[in-house]
Amino acid sequence: MKAIDKIKEHSWIILVVLMGFLFLRQCGMNRDVDKIQKDIRKTEAFADSTYKEIKKITVITKEEVREEMKQVMFQYLIYEDDLDKGKISLSEIKDRIEKE
């Protein structure tokens, strides 16, 4: 009975100490939450910048490839015809191609 009486007598001290522990624990939790939110914001910023970089990359369509191949083949035929007729040498063709 004496222990219960002492607890009742000092109950306000016990409650203050418990409230202090709960307060400190809550502050620690908030700090942890803030840290996690900061990490999430960094990750989202990284993901956004990565997405923007990926979006900048253009995809080549089949039509674009075909058009470029037509132009290359046309130039090849012109060079081949000029070479067969002796109007141009192979080194001159090479120089023209390197200039482009």
N, C-alpha and C. Protein backbone atom coordinates (compact mmCIF):
# COMPACT_ATOMS: atom_id res chain seq x y z
N MET A 1 0.79 -1.18 0.00
CA MET A 1 0.00 0.00 0.00
C MET A 1 0.85 1.27 0.00
N LYS A 2 2.01 1.17 0.64
CA LYS A 2 2.85 2.36 0.70
C LYS A 2 3.33 2.74 -0.70
N ALA A 3 3.61 1.77 -1.55
CA ALA A 3 4.10 2.05 -2.91
C ALA A 3 3.01 2.75 -3.72
N ILE A 4 1.79 2.30 -3.58
CA ILE A 4 0.68 2.90 -4.31
C ILE A 4 0.45 4.32 -3.82
N ASP A 5 0.57 4.54 -2.54
CA ASP A 5 0.40 5.89 -2.00
C ASP A 5 1.50 6.81 -2.51
N LYS A 6 2.73 6.31 -2.59
CA LYS A 6 3.83 7.13 -3.10
C LYS A 6 3.63 7.45 -4.58
N ILE A 7 3.10 6.49 -5.34
CA ILE A 7 2.84 6.72 -6.77
C ILE A 7 1.76 7.79 -6.92
N LYS A 8 0.70 7.67 -6.11
CA LYS A 8 -0.37 8.68 -6.17
C LYS A 8 0.15 10.05 -5.76
N GLU A 9 1.02 10.07 -4.79
CA GLU A 9 1.58 11.32 -4.30
C GLU A 9 2.43 12.02 -5.35
N HIS A 10 3.20 11.24 -6.10
CA HIS A 10 4.12 11.79 -7.10
C HIS A 10 3.63 11.56 -8.53
N SER A 11 2.35 11.38 -8.71
CA SER A 11 1.79 11.09 -10.04
C SER A 11 2.04 12.23 -11.03
N TRP A 12 2.01 13.47 -10.59
CA TRP A 12 2.23 14.59 -11.49
C TRP A 12 3.65 14.59 -12.03
N ILE A 13 4.63 14.17 -11.21
CA ILE A 13 6.02 14.09 -11.67
C ILE A 13 6.15 12.98 -12.70
N ILE A 14 5.52 11.86 -12.42
CA ILE A 14 5.57 10.73 -13.35
C ILE A 14 4.94 11.13 -14.69
N LEU A 15 3.80 11.82 -14.64
CA LEU A 15 3.14 12.26 -15.87
C LEU A 15 3.99 13.26 -16.64
N VAL A 16 4.64 14.18 -15.94
CA VAL A 16 5.50 15.16 -16.61
C VAL A 16 6.68 14.45 -17.29
N VAL A 17 7.27 13.50 -16.61
CA VAL A 17 8.40 12.75 -17.19
C VAL A 17 7.93 11.96 -18.41
N LEU A 18 6.79 11.29 -18.32
CA LEU A 18 6.27 10.54 -19.46
C LEU A 18 5.94 11.47 -20.63
N MET A 19 5.33 12.61 -20.33
CA MET A 19 5.02 13.57 -21.38
C MET A 19 6.31 14.09 -22.03
N GLY A 20 7.34 14.31 -21.23
CA GLY A 20 8.63 14.75 -21.76
C GLY A 20 9.22 13.72 -22.71
N PHE A 21 9.18 12.44 -22.31
CA PHE A 21 9.67 11.37 -23.19
C PHE A 21 8.86 11.31 -24.48
N LEU A 22 7.55 11.41 -24.39
CA LEU A 22 6.71 11.38 -25.58
C LEU A 22 6.99 12.57 -26.49
N PHE A 23 7.18 13.74 -25.89
CA PHE A 23 7.48 14.94 -26.67
C PHE A 23 8.80 14.78 -27.43
N LEU A 24 9.83 14.30 -26.70
CA LEU A 24 11.13 14.12 -27.35
C LEU A 24 11.06 13.06 -28.45
N ARG A 25 10.31 12.02 -28.22
CA ARG A 25 10.17 10.96 -29.23
C ARG A 25 9.45 11.52 -30.46
N GLN A 26 8.42 12.31 -30.23
CA GLN A 26 7.67 12.90 -31.33
C GLN A 26 8.56 13.82 -32.16
N CYS A 27 9.41 14.60 -31.49
CA CYS A 27 10.34 15.49 -32.21
C CYS A 27 11.30 14.66 -33.07
N GLY A 28 11.77 13.55 -32.53
CA GLY A 28 12.66 12.67 -33.29
C GLY A 28 11.97 12.09 -34.50
N MET A 29 10.70 11.73 -34.35
CA MET A 29 9.94 11.19 -35.47
C MET A 29 9.75 12.25 -36.55
N ASN A 30 9.45 13.47 -36.14
CA ASN A 30 9.29 14.54 -37.11
C ASN A 30 10.58 14.80 -37.87
N ARG A 31 11.69 14.72 -37.19
CA ARG A 31 12.99 14.90 -37.83
C ARG A 31 13.21 13.80 -38.87
N ASP A 32 12.86 12.57 -38.50
CA ASP A 32 13.00 11.45 -39.43
C ASP A 32 12.10 11.63 -40.65
N VAL A 33 10.87 12.07 -40.41
CA VAL A 33 9.93 12.29 -41.51
C VAL A 33 10.44 13.40 -42.42
N ASP A 34 10.95 14.48 -41.84
CA ASP A 34 11.50 15.57 -42.65
C ASP A 34 12.66 15.10 -43.50
N LYS A 35 13.50 14.26 -42.93
CA LYS A 35 14.66 13.73 -43.67
C LYS A 35 14.18 12.85 -44.83
N ILE A 36 13.19 12.03 -44.59
CA ILE A 36 12.66 11.16 -45.65
C ILE A 36 12.01 12.00 -46.74
N GLN A 37 11.25 13.03 -46.35
CA GLN A 37 10.63 13.90 -47.35
C GLN A 37 11.68 14.62 -48.18
N LYS A 38 12.77 15.03 -47.56
CA LYS A 38 13.85 15.69 -48.29
C LYS A 38 14.46 14.72 -49.31
N ASP A 39 14.67 13.47 -48.90
CA ASP A 39 15.20 12.47 -49.82
C ASP A 39 14.23 12.22 -50.97
N ILE A 40 12.94 12.21 -50.67
CA ILE A 40 11.94 12.00 -51.72
C ILE A 40 11.98 13.15 -52.71
N ARG A 41 12.09 14.37 -52.22
CA ARG A 41 12.16 15.53 -53.12
C ARG A 41 13.39 15.46 -54.01
N LYS A 42 14.53 15.05 -53.44
CA LYS A 42 15.75 14.91 -54.25
C LYS A 42 15.55 13.86 -55.33
N THR A 43 14.94 12.74 -54.96
CA THR A 43 14.70 11.65 -55.91
C THR A 43 13.75 12.10 -57.01
N GLU A 44 12.70 12.82 -56.64
CA GLU A 44 11.76 13.33 -57.64
C GLU A 44 12.43 14.32 -58.58
N ALA A 45 13.28 15.18 -58.05
CA ALA A 45 14.00 16.15 -58.89
C ALA A 45 14.92 15.42 -59.87
N PHE A 46 15.60 14.38 -59.38
CA PHE A 46 16.48 13.59 -60.25
C PHE A 46 15.66 12.90 -61.34
N ALA A 47 14.53 12.32 -60.95
CA ALA A 47 13.68 11.64 -61.92
C ALA A 47 13.15 12.61 -62.96
N ASP A 48 12.75 13.81 -62.53
CA ASP A 48 12.25 14.81 -63.46
C ASP A 48 13.33 15.24 -64.45
N SER A 49 14.54 15.49 -63.95
CA SER A 49 15.62 15.91 -64.84
C SER A 49 15.99 14.78 -65.81
N THR A 50 15.98 13.56 -65.32
CA THR A 50 16.28 12.41 -66.19
C THR A 50 15.21 12.27 -67.26
N TYR A 51 13.95 12.44 -66.87
CA TYR A 51 12.85 12.35 -67.83
C TYR A 51 12.97 13.43 -68.91
N LYS A 52 13.35 14.65 -68.49
CA LYS A 52 13.52 15.72 -69.46
C LYS A 52 14.64 15.41 -70.44
N GLU A 53 15.72 14.82 -69.94
CA GLU A 53 16.83 14.46 -70.82
C GLU A 53 16.41 13.37 -71.80
N ILE A 54 15.67 12.40 -71.31
CA ILE A 54 15.20 11.32 -72.18
C ILE A 54 14.24 11.86 -73.22
N LYS A 55 13.42 12.81 -72.82
CA LYS A 55 12.44 13.39 -73.73
C LYS A 55 13.12 14.16 -74.86
N LYS A 56 14.32 14.70 -74.60
CA LYS A 56 15.06 15.45 -75.62
C LYS A 56 15.52 14.53 -76.75
N ILE A 57 15.74 13.27 -76.44
CA ILE A 57 16.22 12.33 -77.43
C ILE A 57 15.10 12.08 -78.44
N THR A 58 15.40 12.31 -79.71
CA THR A 58 14.38 12.12 -80.73
C THR A 58 14.47 10.72 -81.31
N VAL A 59 13.34 10.20 -81.64
CA VAL A 59 13.27 8.88 -82.24
C VAL A 59 13.16 9.06 -83.74
N ILE A 60 13.98 8.33 -84.45
CA ILE A 60 13.99 8.42 -85.90
C ILE A 60 12.92 7.48 -86.45
N THR A 61 12.12 8.00 -87.32
CA THR A 61 11.05 7.18 -87.91
C THR A 61 11.56 6.45 -89.14
N LYS A 62 10.79 5.49 -89.61
CA LYS A 62 11.16 4.73 -90.81
C LYS A 62 11.21 5.64 -92.03
N GLU A 63 10.30 6.57 -92.07
CA GLU A 63 10.26 7.49 -93.22
C GLU A 63 11.52 8.34 -93.29
N GLU A 64 11.99 8.82 -92.14
CA GLU A 64 13.21 9.62 -92.11
C GLU A 64 14.41 8.80 -92.56
N VAL A 65 14.48 7.55 -92.14
CA VAL A 65 15.59 6.68 -92.55
C VAL A 65 15.52 6.44 -94.05
N ARG A 66 14.33 6.18 -94.56
CA ARG A 66 14.18 5.94 -96.01
C ARG A 66 14.58 7.16 -96.82
N GLU A 67 14.15 8.34 -96.39
CA GLU A 67 14.49 9.57 -97.10
C GLU A 67 16.01 9.80 -97.12
N GLU A 68 16.65 9.57 -95.99
CA GLU A 68 18.11 9.74 -95.92
C GLU A 68 18.81 8.71 -96.82
N MET A 69 18.31 7.50 -96.83
CA MET A 69 18.91 6.47 -97.68
C MET A 69 18.74 6.81 -99.16
N LYS A 70 17.59 7.38 -99.53
CA LYS A 70 17.38 7.79 -100.92
C LYS A 70 18.40 8.84 -101.32
N GLN A 71 18.63 9.81 -100.43
CA GLN A 71 19.59 10.87 -100.74
C GLN A 71 21.01 10.31 -100.88
N VAL A 72 21.37 9.41 -99.98
CA VAL A 72 22.71 8.82 -100.04
C VAL A 72 22.88 8.00 -101.30
N MET A 73 21.87 7.22 -101.65
CA MET A 73 21.97 6.40 -102.85
C MET A 73 22.03 7.27 -104.11
N PHE A 74 21.27 8.37 -104.13
CA PHE A 74 21.31 9.28 -105.27
C PHE A 74 22.70 9.88 -105.42
N GLN A 75 23.29 10.32 -104.31
CA GLN A 75 24.66 10.86 -104.36
C GLN A 75 25.64 9.79 -104.83
N TYR A 76 25.45 8.57 -104.36
CA TYR A 76 26.33 7.47 -104.77
C TYR A 76 26.25 7.27 -106.29
N LEU A 77 25.03 7.29 -106.82
CA LEU A 77 24.87 7.10 -108.27
C LEU A 77 25.54 8.22 -109.06
N ILE A 78 25.43 9.45 -108.57
CA ILE A 78 26.09 10.58 -109.24
C ILE A 78 27.60 10.39 -109.22
N TYR A 79 28.15 10.04 -108.07
CA TYR A 79 29.60 9.82 -107.97
C TYR A 79 30.04 8.67 -108.87
N GLU A 80 29.23 7.60 -108.89
CA GLU A 80 29.58 6.44 -109.71
C GLU A 80 29.59 6.82 -111.19
N ASP A 81 28.59 7.57 -111.61
CA ASP A 81 28.51 7.99 -113.02
C ASP A 81 29.69 8.89 -113.38
N ASP A 82 30.00 9.86 -112.50
CA ASP A 82 31.13 10.75 -112.76
C ASP A 82 32.45 9.98 -112.78
N LEU A 83 32.58 8.99 -111.91
CA LEU A 83 33.80 8.19 -111.86
C LEU A 83 33.94 7.36 -113.13
N ASP A 84 32.80 6.76 -113.61
CA ASP A 84 32.84 5.96 -114.84
C ASP A 84 33.19 6.81 -116.06
N LYS A 85 32.73 8.03 -116.09
CA LYS A 85 33.00 8.91 -117.24
C LYS A 85 34.36 9.59 -117.13
N GLY A 86 35.04 9.41 -116.00
CA GLY A 86 36.37 9.99 -115.83
C GLY A 86 36.35 11.45 -115.47
N LYS A 87 35.22 11.96 -115.03
CA LYS A 87 35.11 13.38 -114.65
C LYS A 87 35.69 13.65 -113.27
N ILE A 88 35.79 12.63 -112.46
CA ILE A 88 36.23 12.81 -111.08
C ILE A 88 37.05 11.60 -110.66
N SER A 89 38.00 11.83 -109.76
CA SER A 89 38.81 10.70 -109.26
C SER A 89 38.25 10.22 -107.93
N LEU A 90 38.69 9.06 -107.54
CA LEU A 90 38.22 8.46 -106.29
C LEU A 90 38.61 9.30 -105.09
N SER A 91 39.81 9.90 -105.11
CA SER A 91 40.25 10.75 -104.00
C SER A 91 39.39 12.02 -103.90
N GLU A 92 38.94 12.56 -105.05
CA GLU A 92 38.07 13.73 -105.02
C GLU A 92 36.70 13.38 -104.42
N ILE A 93 36.20 12.20 -104.75
CA ILE A 93 34.93 11.74 -104.16
C ILE A 93 35.08 11.61 -102.66
N LYS A 94 36.20 11.04 -102.25
CA LYS A 94 36.47 10.88 -100.80
C LYS A 94 36.52 12.24 -100.11
N ASP A 95 37.17 13.21 -100.72
CA ASP A 95 37.25 14.55 -100.15
C ASP A 95 35.87 15.20 -100.04
N ARG A 96 35.04 15.06 -101.07
CA ARG A 96 33.68 15.61 -101.04
C ARG A 96 32.86 14.99 -99.91
N ILE A 97 32.96 13.69 -99.77
CA ILE A 97 32.20 12.99 -98.72
C ILE A 97 32.65 13.45 -97.34
N GLU A 98 33.95 13.62 -97.15
CA GLU A 98 34.46 14.04 -95.85
C GLU A 98 34.05 15.48 -95.52
N LYS A 99 33.86 16.32 -96.54
CA LYS A 99 33.45 17.71 -96.32
C LYS A 99 31.99 17.78 -95.85
N GLU A 100 31.18 16.82 -96.24
CA GLU A 100 29.75 16.84 -95.89
C GLU A 100 29.50 16.44 -94.49
